[in-house]
Amino acid sequence: RKISGGTVSEAGKAARDTMLGLLKTCSKLGISYYQFLGDRFAVPGITAVAPLPTLVSLAKA
């Protein structure tokens, strides 16, 4: 039976969980998820975003 929104494989589940975790982290840090991904994938015209460990350290300070 097909369940809407589900994944087909364990790799798909892991990818979805990673993506949602990153989305939540970006939200907590107040940065754009799409800008973060754009920077990591070297999309032209995207403003640079610091590495996540740096952003987390700055948020704790």
PDB file of N, CA and C in Angstrom:
ATOM      1  N   ARG A   1       0.839  -1.185   0.000  1.00  0.00           N
ATOM      2  CA  ARG A   1       0.000   0.000   0.000  1.00  0.00           C
ATOM      3  C   ARG A   1       0.881   1.245   0.000  1.00  0.00           C
ATOM      4  N   LYS A   2       0.570   2.185  -0.858  1.00  0.00           N
ATOM      5  CA  LYS A   2       1.351   3.423  -0.945  1.00  0.00           C
ATOM      6  C   LYS A   2       0.853   4.418   0.093  1.00  0.00           C
ATOM      7  N   ILE A   3       1.794   4.948   0.844  1.00  0.00           N
ATOM      8  CA  ILE A   3       1.468   5.958   1.843  1.00  0.00           C
ATOM      9  C   ILE A   3       2.031   7.286   1.366  1.00  0.00           C
ATOM     10  N   SER A   4       1.177   8.280   1.248  1.00  0.00           N
ATOM     11  CA  SER A   4       1.594   9.591   0.761  1.00  0.00           C
ATOM     12  C   SER A   4       2.621  10.218   1.700  1.00  0.00           C
ATOM     13  N   GLY A   5       3.701  10.727   1.132  1.00  0.00           N
ATOM     14  CA  GLY A   5       4.721  11.405   1.926  1.00  0.00           C
ATOM     15  C   GLY A   5       5.763  10.477   2.525  1.00  0.00           C
ATOM     16  N   GLY A   6       5.611   9.176   2.301  1.00  0.00           N
ATOM     17  CA  GLY A   6       6.571   8.225   2.847  1.00  0.00           C
ATOM     18  C   GLY A   6       7.764   8.055   1.927  1.00  0.00           C
ATOM     19  N   THR A   7       8.762   7.348   2.418  1.00  0.00           N
ATOM     20  CA  THR A   7       9.943   7.074   1.600  1.00  0.00           C
ATOM     21  C   THR A   7       9.918   5.617   1.170  1.00  0.00           C
ATOM     22  N   VAL A   8      10.645   5.317   0.109  1.00  0.00           N
ATOM     23  CA  VAL A   8      10.679   3.965  -0.427  1.00  0.00           C
ATOM     24  C   VAL A   8      11.797   3.150   0.220  1.00  0.00           C
ATOM     25  N   SER A   9      12.895   3.806   0.547  1.00  0.00           N
ATOM     26  CA  SER A   9      14.062   3.083   1.049  1.00  0.00           C
ATOM     27  C   SER A   9      14.577   3.688   2.351  1.00  0.00           C
ATOM     28  N   GLU A  10      15.470   2.954   2.980  1.00  0.00           N
ATOM     29  CA  GLU A  10      16.119   3.465   4.196  1.00  0.00           C
ATOM     30  C   GLU A  10      16.990   4.676   3.871  1.00  0.00           C
ATOM     31  N   ALA A  11      17.615   4.657   2.694  1.00  0.00           N
ATOM     32  CA  ALA A  11      18.436   5.805   2.285  1.00  0.00           C
ATOM     33  C   ALA A  11      17.563   7.045   2.116  1.00  0.00           C
ATOM     34  N   GLY A  12      16.372   6.859   1.579  1.00  0.00           N
ATOM     35  CA  GLY A  12      15.443   7.975   1.429  1.00  0.00           C
ATOM     36  C   GLY A  12      15.006   8.522   2.772  1.00  0.00           C
ATOM     37  N   LYS A  13      14.768   7.628   3.721  1.00  0.00           N
ATOM     38  CA  LYS A  13      14.388   8.047   5.078  1.00  0.00           C
ATOM     39  C   LYS A  13      15.525   8.831   5.724  1.00  0.00           C
ATOM     40  N   ALA A  14      16.744   8.344   5.573  1.00  0.00           N
ATOM     41  CA  ALA A  14      17.902   9.036   6.148  1.00  0.00           C
ATOM     42  C   ALA A  14      18.082  10.414   5.513  1.00  0.00           C
ATOM     43  N   ALA A  15      17.890  10.500   4.193  1.00  0.00           N
ATOM     44  CA  ALA A  15      18.020  11.787   3.503  1.00  0.00           C
ATOM     45  C   ALA A  15      16.951  12.760   3.982  1.00  0.00           C
ATOM     46  N   ARG A  16      15.712  12.289   4.107  1.00  0.00           N
ATOM     47  CA  ARG A  16      14.618  13.144   4.585  1.00  0.00           C
ATOM     48  C   ARG A  16      14.890  13.625   6.007  1.00  0.00           C
ATOM     49  N   ASP A  17      15.317  12.717   6.877  1.00  0.00           N
ATOM     50  CA  ASP A  17      15.597  13.085   8.264  1.00  0.00           C
ATOM     51  C   ASP A  17      16.729  14.105   8.357  1.00  0.00           C
ATOM     52  N   THR A  18      17.763  13.933   7.539  1.00  0.00           N
ATOM     53  CA  THR A  18      18.877  14.878   7.515  1.00  0.00           C
ATOM     54  C   THR A  18      18.417  16.245   7.040  1.00  0.00           C
ATOM     55  N   MET A  19      17.619  16.264   5.978  1.00  0.00           N
ATOM     56  CA  MET A  19      17.121  17.518   5.430  1.00  0.00           C
ATOM     57  C   MET A  19      16.243  18.248   6.448  1.00  0.00           C
ATOM     58  N   LEU A  20      15.360  17.527   7.121  1.00  0.00           N
ATOM     59  CA  LEU A  20      14.484  18.156   8.114  1.00  0.00           C
ATOM     60  C   LEU A  20      15.273  18.649   9.327  1.00  0.00           C
ATOM     61  N   GLY A  21      16.302  17.902   9.723  1.00  0.00           N
ATOM     62  CA  GLY A  21      17.155  18.342  10.826  1.00  0.00           C
ATOM     63  C   GLY A  21      17.903  19.617  10.481  1.00  0.00           C
ATOM     64  N   LEU A  22      18.403  19.689   9.263  1.00  0.00           N
ATOM     65  CA  LEU A  22      19.107  20.889   8.807  1.00  0.00           C
ATOM     66  C   LEU A  22      18.152  22.074   8.727  1.00  0.00           C
ATOM     67  N   LEU A  23      16.943  21.831   8.261  1.00  0.00           N
ATOM     68  CA  LEU A  23      15.928  22.884   8.190  1.00  0.00           C
ATOM     69  C   LEU A  23      15.639  23.443   9.585  1.00  0.00           C
ATOM     70  N   LYS A  24      15.513  22.565  10.559  1.00  0.00           N
ATOM     71  CA  LYS A  24      15.243  22.984  11.941  1.00  0.00           C
ATOM     72  C   LYS A  24      16.429  23.759  12.517  1.00  0.00           C
ATOM     73  N   THR A  25      17.644  23.297  12.246  1.00  0.00           N
ATOM     74  CA  THR A  25      18.840  23.985  12.733  1.00  0.00           C
ATOM     75  C   THR A  25      18.942  25.382  12.134  1.00  0.00           C
ATOM     76  N   CYS A  26      18.719  25.498  10.836  1.00  0.00           N
ATOM     77  CA  CYS A  26      18.762  26.815  10.186  1.00  0.00           C
ATOM     78  C   CYS A  26      17.714  27.742  10.789  1.00  0.00           C
ATOM     79  N   SER A  27      16.540  27.213  11.047  1.00  0.00           N
ATOM     80  CA  SER A  27      15.472  28.016  11.643  1.00  0.00           C
ATOM     81  C   SER A  27      15.879  28.527  13.021  1.00  0.00           C
ATOM     82  N   LYS A  28      16.451  27.656  13.835  1.00  0.00           N
ATOM     83  CA  LYS A  28      16.892  28.050  15.181  1.00  0.00           C
ATOM     84  C   LYS A  28      17.988  29.109  15.131  1.00  0.00           C
ATOM     85  N   LEU A  29      18.839  29.039  14.105  1.00  0.00           N
ATOM     86  CA  LEU A  29      19.948  29.985  13.980  1.00  0.00           C
ATOM     87  C   LEU A  29      19.537  31.270  13.266  1.00  0.00           C
ATOM     88  N   GLY A  30      18.322  31.296  12.737  1.00  0.00           N
ATOM     89  CA  GLY A  30      17.829  32.493  12.060  1.00  0.00           C
ATOM     90  C   GLY A  30      18.426  32.720  10.685  1.00  0.00           C
ATOM     91  N   ILE A  31      18.829  31.631  10.027  1.00  0.00           N
ATOM     92  CA  ILE A  31      19.358  31.762   8.671  1.00  0.00           C
ATOM     93  C   ILE A  31      18.423  31.055   7.695  1.00  0.00           C
ATOM     94  N   SER A  32      18.476  31.466   6.454  1.00  0.00           N
ATOM     95  CA  SER A  32      17.635  30.870   5.424  1.00  0.00           C
ATOM     96  C   SER A  32      18.170  29.492   5.042  1.00  0.00           C
ATOM     97  N   TYR A  33      17.299  28.502   5.108  1.00  0.00           N
ATOM     98  CA  TYR A  33      17.644  27.142   4.711  1.00  0.00           C
ATOM     99  C   TYR A  33      18.087  27.116   3.246  1.00  0.00           C
ATOM    100  N   TYR A  34      17.346  27.819   2.394  1.00  0.00           N
ATOM    101  CA  TYR A  34      17.652  27.820   0.965  1.00  0.00           C
ATOM    102  C   TYR A  34      18.939  28.579   0.665  1.00  0.00           C
ATOM    103  N   GLN A  35      19.203  29.637   1.407  1.00  0.00           N
ATOM    104  CA  GLN A  35      20.461  30.361   1.222  1.00  0.00           C
ATOM    105  C   GLN A  35      21.622  29.479   1.675  1.00  0.00           C
ATOM    106  N   PHE A  36      21.446  28.761   2.777  1.00  0.00           N
ATOM    107  CA  PHE A  36      22.477  27.853   3.269  1.00  0.00           C
ATOM    108  C   PHE A  36      22.788  26.787   2.217  1.00  0.00           C
ATOM    109  N   LEU A  37      21.740  26.151   1.691  1.00  0.00           N
ATOM    110  CA  LEU A  37      21.954  25.126   0.666  1.00  0.00           C
ATOM    111  C   LEU A  37      22.573  25.719  -0.596  1.00  0.00           C
ATOM    112  N   GLY A  38      22.107  26.901  -0.984  1.00  0.00           N
ATOM    113  CA  GLY A  38      22.656  27.559  -2.163  1.00  0.00           C
ATOM    114  C   GLY A  38      24.143  27.815  -2.027  1.00  0.00           C
ATOM    115  N   ASP A  39      24.562  28.228  -0.826  1.00  0.00           N
ATOM    116  CA  ASP A  39      25.984  28.461  -0.582  1.00  0.00           C
ATOM    117  C   ASP A  39      26.760  27.149  -0.657  1.00  0.00           C
ATOM    118  N   ARG A  40      26.228  26.092  -0.062  1.00  0.00           N
ATOM    119  CA  ARG A  40      26.928  24.811  -0.057  1.00  0.00           C
ATOM    120  C   ARG A  40      27.031  24.198  -1.451  1.00  0.00           C
ATOM    121  N   PHE A  41      26.017  24.446  -2.286  1.00  0.00           N
ATOM    122  CA  PHE A  41      26.037  23.920  -3.654  1.00  0.00           C
ATOM    123  C   PHE A  41      26.627  24.907  -4.650  1.00  0.00           C
ATOM    124  N   ALA A  42      27.210  25.996  -4.151  1.00  0.00           N
ATOM    125  CA  ALA A  42      27.896  27.007  -4.970  1.00  0.00           C
ATOM    126  C   ALA A  42      26.999  27.597  -6.058  1.00  0.00           C
ATOM    127  N   VAL A  43      25.763  27.935  -5.685  1.00  0.00           N
ATOM    128  CA  VAL A  43      24.842  28.578  -6.621  1.00  0.00           C
ATOM    129  C   VAL A  43      25.314  30.017  -6.827  1.00  0.00           C
ATOM    130  N   PRO A  44      25.494  30.440  -8.073  1.00  0.00           N
ATOM    131  CA  PRO A  44      25.957  31.811  -8.332  1.00  0.00           C
ATOM    132  C   PRO A  44      24.992  32.851  -7.765  1.00  0.00           C
ATOM    133  N   GLY A  45      25.561  33.907  -7.182  1.00  0.00           N
ATOM    134  CA  GLY A  45      24.758  35.017  -6.675  1.00  0.00           C
ATOM    135  C   GLY A  45      24.254  34.846  -5.254  1.00  0.00           C
ATOM    136  N   ILE A  46      24.553  33.726  -4.626  1.00  0.00           N
ATOM    137  CA  ILE A  46      24.107  33.488  -3.250  1.00  0.00           C
ATOM    138  C   ILE A  46      25.142  34.059  -2.284  1.00  0.00           C
ATOM    139  N   THR A  47      24.663  34.758  -1.260  1.00  0.00           N
ATOM    140  CA  THR A  47      25.543  35.302  -0.229  1.00  0.00           C
ATOM    141  C   THR A  47      26.158  34.152   0.567  1.00  0.00           C
ATOM    142  N   ALA A  48      27.436  34.267   0.878  1.00  0.00           N
ATOM    143  CA  ALA A  48      28.133  33.226   1.632  1.00  0.00           C
ATOM    144  C   ALA A  48      27.541  33.069   3.027  1.00  0.00           C
ATOM    145  N   VAL A  49      27.488  31.827   3.485  1.00  0.00           N
ATOM    146  CA  VAL A  49      26.994  31.501   4.820  1.00  0.00           C
ATOM    147  C   VAL A  49      28.120  30.769   5.545  1.00  0.00           C
ATOM    148  N   ALA A  50      28.369  31.153   6.786  1.00  0.00           N
ATOM    149  CA  ALA A  50      29.429  30.519   7.574  1.00  0.00           C
ATOM    150  C   ALA A  50      29.103  29.043   7.815  1.00  0.00           C
ATOM    151  N   PRO A  51      30.128  28.231   8.092  1.00  0.00           N
ATOM    152  CA  PRO A  51      29.883  26.818   8.413  1.00  0.00           C
ATOM    153  C   PRO A  51      28.992  26.685   9.655  1.00  0.00           C
ATOM    154  N   LEU A  52      28.189  25.629   9.706  1.00  0.00           N
ATOM    155  CA  LEU A  52      27.265  25.440  10.829  1.00  0.00           C
ATOM    156  C   LEU A  52      27.958  25.427  12.194  1.00  0.00           C
ATOM    157  N   PRO A  53      29.106  24.753  12.357  1.00  0.00           N
ATOM    158  CA  PRO A  53      29.737  24.789  13.683  1.00  0.00           C
ATOM    159  C   PRO A  53      30.054  26.215  14.144  1.00  0.00           C
ATOM    160  N   THR A  54      30.461  27.062  13.212  1.00  0.00           N
ATOM    161  CA  THR A  54      30.744  28.460  13.547  1.00  0.00           C
ATOM    162  C   THR A  54      29.471  29.175  13.965  1.00  0.00           C
ATOM    163  N   LEU A  55      28.402  28.977  13.229  1.00  0.00           N
ATOM    164  CA  LEU A  55      27.129  29.625  13.552  1.00  0.00           C
ATOM    165  C   LEU A  55      26.584  29.162  14.901  1.00  0.00           C
ATOM    166  N   VAL A  56      26.723  27.869  15.190  1.00  0.00           N
ATOM    167  CA  VAL A  56      26.258  27.334  16.474  1.00  0.00           C
ATOM    168  C   VAL A  56      27.077  27.927  17.612  1.00  0.00           C
ATOM    169  N   SER A  57      28.393  28.018  17.432  1.00  0.00           N
ATOM    170  CA  SER A  57      29.255  28.611  18.466  1.00  0.00           C
ATOM    171  C   SER A  57      28.887  30.065  18.721  1.00  0.00           C
ATOM    172  N   LEU A  58      28.622  30.814  17.661  1.00  0.00           N
ATOM    173  CA  LEU A  58      28.241  32.217  17.814  1.00  0.00           C
ATOM    174  C   LEU A  58      26.887  32.349  18.501  1.00  0.00           C
ATOM    175  N   ALA A  59      25.981  31.429  18.231  1.00  0.00           N
ATOM    176  CA  ALA A  59      24.647  31.479  18.846  1.00  0.00           C
ATOM    177  C   ALA A  59      24.718  31.192  20.340  1.00  0.00           C
ATOM    178  N   LYS A  60      25.662  30.344  20.744  1.00  0.00           N
ATOM    179  CA  LYS A  60      25.821  30.006  22.164  1.00  0.00           C
ATOM    180  C   LYS A  60      26.454  31.143  22.945  1.00  0.00           C
ATOM    181  N   ALA A  61      27.248  31.972  22.258  1.00  0.00           N
ATOM    182  CA  ALA A  61      27.987  33.050  22.932  1.00  0.00           C
ATOM    183  C   ALA A  61      27.093  34.191  23.354  1.00  0.00           C
TER     184      ALA A  61
END
